[in-house]
Amino acid sequence: MDNKITMDIDALFSSACPDGRYGSGCSQSCSVNCAGQGNPCDHVDGRCTQGCDPGYQGSKCEQICSSGTYGPGCSQSCNSNCAGQGDPCHHVDGRCTQGCDLGYKGEKCELGCEDGKYGSGCDNTCSDKCAQSTNICDRFNGHCNGGCKQGYQAPLCTQECSRGKYGSGCLESCNASCAGQGDPCDHVDGRCTEGCDPGYQGDKCEQEQLVTVALLILCVLCVGKEKKRFRMFCPNSGKWPVSAPQDRLPSP
């Protein structure tokens, strides 16, 4: 009987607590995370009577949402594109707290990268050496979708062809007649950048220098023919050369 009277007295005093207070003598404050004007809670045990503010849970709204959830009643899931273990986001508004996975941007990582951008937060720009002018590169890793312009190496197309290589996909080899260590040539069109080895000519040193040799051979042939067809007189001695054909020497 005495216990019942004591409980009734406590309840009477507790019921007089103003909004935001509860417990014996109204000595305790309702949680600031209780939803509603003045953070209302049960005047006896402090339970939030109108639920919790977004981002909080528990009878007294003393706990933040579990990882991966946010919002009113912790009923919403963080975007799966949020970077980090368990797709972490802010427990109140769902902002991704560790940034976005590759290929996404926005506070909640809800947007894919626009054409020409890639990577985390879409902060990286596709190489201007990518071959295509649209759908330029993969929004996740930046690999050029249509390969590279001539003279650049896949997949990112940011590096020139290795020494000795040139052209589309760096599949062409510089001419072996290019002068210099490793047969260097222009990474785009294959022109020999240090000139040609002796005996070669042309932008790519692909032509042998045959003109001089041909002229020399022609001269030798011409001299041989002239010896046979004409009598040769040595003006210094006034005599016919010994090598002149005997049948054509004049009679004494």
Protein backbone atom coordinates (compact mmCIF):
# COMPACT_ATOMS: atom_id res chain seq x y z
CA MET A 1 0.00 0.00 0.00
CA ASP A 2 2.79 2.43 0.95
CA ASN A 3 4.66 1.62 -2.32
CA LYS A 4 1.57 2.42 -4.40
CA ILE A 5 1.14 5.75 -2.64
CA THR A 6 4.81 6.60 -3.29
CA MET A 7 4.48 5.77 -7.03
CA ASP A 8 1.33 7.86 -7.33
CA ILE A 9 3.06 10.81 -5.69
CA ASP A 10 6.08 10.48 -8.04
CA ALA A 11 3.80 10.31 -11.06
CA LEU A 12 1.90 13.38 -9.85
CA PHE A 13 5.08 15.41 -9.54
CA SER A 14 6.51 14.04 -12.79
CA SER A 15 3.39 14.92 -14.77
CA ALA A 16 3.98 18.52 -13.92
CA CYS A 17 7.32 18.51 -15.80
CA PRO A 18 7.50 21.08 -18.59
CA ASP A 19 8.39 20.04 -22.13
CA GLY A 20 11.97 18.95 -22.37
CA ARG A 21 12.17 17.65 -18.77
CA TYR A 22 11.38 14.32 -17.18
CA GLY A 23 11.99 12.06 -14.22
CA SER A 24 11.94 12.54 -10.47
CA GLY A 25 11.67 16.19 -9.70
CA CYS A 26 11.91 16.90 -13.47
CA SER A 27 15.63 16.83 -12.96
CA GLN A 28 16.56 15.33 -16.31
CA SER A 29 16.47 16.81 -19.79
CA CYS A 30 14.94 15.10 -22.78
CA SER A 31 17.44 14.25 -25.50
CA VAL A 32 18.16 17.11 -27.88
CA ASN A 33 17.66 14.56 -30.64
CA CYS A 34 14.00 14.03 -29.79
CA ALA A 35 11.88 15.20 -32.71
CA GLY A 36 9.37 17.99 -32.18
CA GLN A 37 9.22 21.49 -30.77
CA GLY A 38 11.09 21.68 -27.48
CA ASN A 39 12.40 18.11 -27.75
CA PRO A 40 9.36 16.50 -26.09
CA CYS A 41 9.76 13.24 -24.26
CA ASP A 42 7.81 11.08 -21.85
CA HIS A 43 7.73 12.87 -18.48
CA VAL A 44 8.43 9.64 -16.62
CA ASP A 45 11.17 7.74 -18.49
CA GLY A 46 12.37 10.23 -21.10
CA ARG A 47 11.33 8.29 -24.19
CA CYS A 48 11.04 10.61 -27.21
CA THR A 49 7.30 10.75 -27.85
CA GLN A 50 7.51 12.06 -31.43
CA GLY A 51 10.38 9.97 -32.61
CA CYS A 52 13.91 11.08 -33.36
CA ASP A 53 15.48 13.79 -35.42
CA PRO A 54 16.98 12.52 -38.69
CA GLY A 55 20.12 10.51 -38.08
CA TYR A 56 19.27 9.20 -34.62
CA GLN A 57 17.68 6.09 -33.17
CA GLY A 58 16.81 4.44 -29.86
CA SER A 59 13.99 5.08 -27.40
CA LYS A 60 15.70 8.27 -26.24
CA CYS A 61 17.32 8.98 -29.63
CA GLU A 62 20.74 8.77 -28.05
CA GLN A 63 22.32 6.68 -30.83
CA ILE A 64 23.31 7.76 -34.31
CA CYS A 65 22.24 5.63 -37.26
CA SER A 66 24.16 2.46 -37.95
CA SER A 67 26.84 2.63 -40.65
CA GLY A 68 25.27 2.60 -44.09
CA THR A 69 21.98 4.22 -43.00
CA TYR A 70 20.80 7.78 -42.43
CA GLY A 71 17.82 10.09 -42.21
CA PRO A 72 14.52 9.98 -40.30
CA GLY A 73 14.32 6.78 -38.32
CA CYS A 74 17.59 5.71 -39.98
CA SER A 75 15.36 4.31 -42.69
CA GLN A 76 17.43 5.34 -45.70
CA SER A 77 20.51 3.60 -47.08
CA CYS A 78 23.70 5.40 -48.02
CA ASN A 79 24.43 5.39 -51.74
CA SER A 80 26.31 2.30 -52.83
CA ASN A 81 28.73 4.59 -54.68
CA CYS A 82 30.02 6.09 -51.42
CA ALA A 83 33.67 5.18 -50.99
CA GLY A 84 34.73 3.17 -47.95
CA GLN A 85 33.84 -0.02 -46.16
CA GLY A 86 30.10 -0.39 -45.81
CA ASP A 87 29.31 2.67 -47.98
CA PRO A 88 29.64 5.15 -45.10
CA CYS A 89 27.70 8.40 -45.20
CA HIS A 90 26.68 11.16 -42.81
CA HIS A 91 24.01 9.82 -40.47
CA VAL A 92 21.81 12.90 -40.87
CA ASP A 93 21.80 13.88 -44.55
CA GLY A 94 23.46 10.97 -46.35
CA ARG A 95 26.51 12.84 -47.62
CA CYS A 96 29.30 10.41 -48.47
CA THR A 97 31.91 11.08 -45.79
CA GLN A 98 34.84 9.39 -47.54
CA GLY A 99 34.22 10.60 -51.05
CA CYS A 100 32.92 8.61 -54.00
CA ASP A 101 33.85 5.41 -55.73
CA LEU A 102 35.65 5.79 -59.05
CA GLY A 103 33.43 7.24 -61.74
CA TYR A 104 30.98 9.11 -59.48
CA LYS A 105 30.54 12.57 -58.02
CA GLY A 106 28.03 14.62 -56.01
CA GLU A 107 27.46 14.94 -52.26
CA LYS A 108 25.77 11.56 -52.25
CA CYS A 109 27.81 10.23 -55.18
CA GLU A 110 24.61 9.91 -57.16
CA LEU A 111 26.04 11.32 -60.40
CA GLY A 112 28.25 9.60 -62.94
CA CYS A 113 31.21 11.45 -64.46
CA GLU A 114 30.48 13.58 -67.50
CA ASP A 115 32.20 12.77 -70.78
CA GLY A 116 35.88 13.64 -70.60
CA LYS A 117 36.20 13.11 -66.83
CA TYR A 118 37.04 10.06 -64.76
CA GLY A 119 38.16 8.75 -61.38
CA SER A 120 37.18 9.51 -57.79
CA GLY A 121 34.93 12.54 -57.71
CA CYS A 122 35.43 12.83 -61.48
CA ASP A 123 38.41 15.06 -60.73
CA ASN A 124 40.62 13.68 -63.51
CA THR A 125 40.52 14.69 -67.17
CA CYS A 126 40.82 12.20 -70.04
CA SER A 127 44.01 12.60 -72.07
CA ASP A 128 43.82 14.92 -75.07
CA LYS A 129 45.66 12.17 -76.94
CA CYS A 130 42.66 9.83 -76.78
CA ALA A 131 41.51 9.08 -80.33
CA GLN A 132 37.78 9.70 -79.84
CA SER A 133 36.18 13.12 -79.41
CA THR A 134 33.10 11.71 -77.63
CA ASN A 135 32.85 8.89 -75.10
CA ILE A 136 36.50 9.76 -74.73
CA CYS A 137 37.65 7.54 -71.89
CA ASP A 138 36.37 5.08 -69.31
CA ARG A 139 34.89 7.08 -66.41
CA PHE A 140 36.30 4.67 -63.86
CA ASN A 141 39.97 4.29 -64.87
CA GLY A 142 40.55 6.82 -67.66
CA HIS A 143 41.47 4.28 -70.33
CA CYS A 144 40.86 5.78 -73.79
CA ASN A 145 37.87 3.99 -75.29
CA GLY A 146 38.97 4.28 -78.91
CA GLY A 147 42.69 3.91 -78.41
CA CYS A 148 45.27 6.66 -78.78
CA LYS A 149 46.20 9.19 -81.38
CA GLN A 150 49.31 8.27 -83.34
CA GLY A 151 52.48 8.35 -81.30
CA TYR A 152 51.02 7.56 -77.87
CA GLN A 153 50.77 4.45 -75.74
CA ALA A 154 47.57 2.81 -74.52
CA PRO A 155 45.68 2.64 -72.27
CA LEU A 156 45.87 6.19 -70.86
CA CYS A 157 47.55 7.74 -73.92
CA THR A 158 49.62 10.06 -71.78
CA GLN A 159 53.03 8.65 -72.74
CA GLU A 160 54.79 8.92 -76.09
CA CYS A 161 55.88 5.76 -77.87
CA SER A 162 59.04 4.15 -76.56
CA ARG A 163 62.30 4.98 -78.34
CA GLY A 164 62.43 3.16 -81.65
CA LYS A 165 58.63 2.98 -82.03
CA TYR A 166 56.03 5.27 -83.61
CA GLY A 167 52.57 5.52 -85.15
CA SER A 168 49.17 4.10 -84.25
CA GLY A 169 49.42 2.02 -81.10
CA CYS A 170 53.21 2.48 -81.26
CA LEU A 171 53.28 -0.66 -83.40
CA GLU A 172 55.64 0.68 -86.09
CA SER A 173 59.41 0.43 -85.73
CA CYS A 174 61.72 3.28 -86.70
CA ASN A 175 63.87 2.54 -89.74
CA ALA A 176 67.09 0.74 -88.86
CA SER A 177 68.93 3.30 -91.01
CA CYS A 178 68.01 6.18 -88.67
CA ALA A 179 71.17 7.60 -87.14
CA GLY A 180 71.57 7.53 -83.37
CA GLN A 181 71.39 5.10 -80.49
CA GLY A 182 68.34 2.88 -80.77
CA ASP A 183 67.32 4.20 -84.21
CA PRO A 184 65.44 7.23 -82.86
CA CYS A 185 62.56 8.69 -84.85
CA ASP A 186 59.58 10.97 -84.37
CA HIS A 187 56.99 9.15 -82.23
CA VAL A 188 54.14 10.29 -84.49
CA ASP A 189 55.27 9.95 -88.12
CA GLY A 190 58.55 8.02 -87.94
CA ARG A 191 60.84 10.73 -89.32
CA CYS A 192 64.44 10.09 -88.30
CA THR A 193 65.18 12.84 -85.80
CA GLU A 194 68.98 12.55 -85.87
CA GLY A 195 69.47 12.09 -89.58
CA CYS A 196 70.42 8.94 -91.49
CA ASP A 197 73.20 6.39 -91.35
CA PRO A 198 75.82 6.84 -94.12
CA GLY A 199 74.48 5.81 -97.51
CA TYR A 200 70.81 6.53 -96.76
CA GLN A 201 68.49 9.45 -97.31
CA GLY A 202 64.82 10.48 -96.99
CA ASP A 203 62.67 11.54 -94.04
CA LYS A 204 62.68 7.97 -92.77
CA CYS A 205 66.09 7.10 -94.25
CA GLU A 206 64.44 4.47 -96.39
CA GLN A 207 66.25 5.36 -99.63
CA GLU A 208 69.77 4.25 -100.46
CA GLN A 209 72.01 6.93 -101.94
CA LEU A 210 72.44 5.24 -105.37
CA VAL A 211 72.83 8.34 -107.54
CA THR A 212 76.56 8.90 -106.94
CA VAL A 213 77.39 5.24 -107.46
CA ALA A 214 75.32 5.11 -110.62
CA LEU A 215 77.08 8.16 -112.06
CA LEU A 216 80.49 6.66 -111.32
CA ILE A 217 79.59 3.41 -113.08
CA LEU A 218 78.21 5.34 -116.03
CA CYS A 219 81.43 7.34 -116.37
CA VAL A 220 83.54 4.18 -116.35
CA LEU A 221 81.38 2.65 -119.06
CA CYS A 222 81.57 5.78 -121.18
CA VAL A 223 85.37 5.92 -120.96
CA GLY A 224 85.62 2.29 -121.98
CA LYS A 225 83.45 2.88 -125.02
CA GLU A 226 85.42 5.92 -126.10
CA LYS A 227 88.69 3.98 -126.02
CA LYS A 228 87.27 1.48 -128.46
CA ARG A 229 85.56 3.92 -130.81
CA PHE A 230 88.11 6.74 -131.10
CA ARG A 231 91.83 7.07 -131.47
CA MET A 232 93.39 8.71 -128.50
CA PHE A 233 96.37 11.06 -128.88
CA CYS A 234 98.53 12.22 -126.01
CA PRO A 235 99.21 15.89 -126.65
CA ASN A 236 102.12 16.11 -124.24
CA SER A 237 104.21 13.46 -126.02
CA GLY A 238 102.86 13.88 -129.52
CA LYS A 239 102.48 10.13 -129.69
CA TRP A 240 99.54 7.78 -129.69
CA PRO A 241 99.08 5.98 -126.42
CA VAL A 242 100.30 2.42 -126.21
CA SER A 243 96.87 1.23 -125.23
CA ALA A 244 95.26 2.55 -128.44
CA PRO A 245 94.06 -0.19 -130.79
CA GLN A 246 96.88 -1.08 -133.21
CA ASP A 247 94.65 -1.42 -136.23
CA ARG A 248 93.68 2.23 -135.94
CA LEU A 249 97.19 3.72 -135.61
CA PRO A 250 98.18 5.96 -138.59
CA SER A 251 100.83 4.76 -141.09
CA PRO A 252 104.27 6.33 -140.61
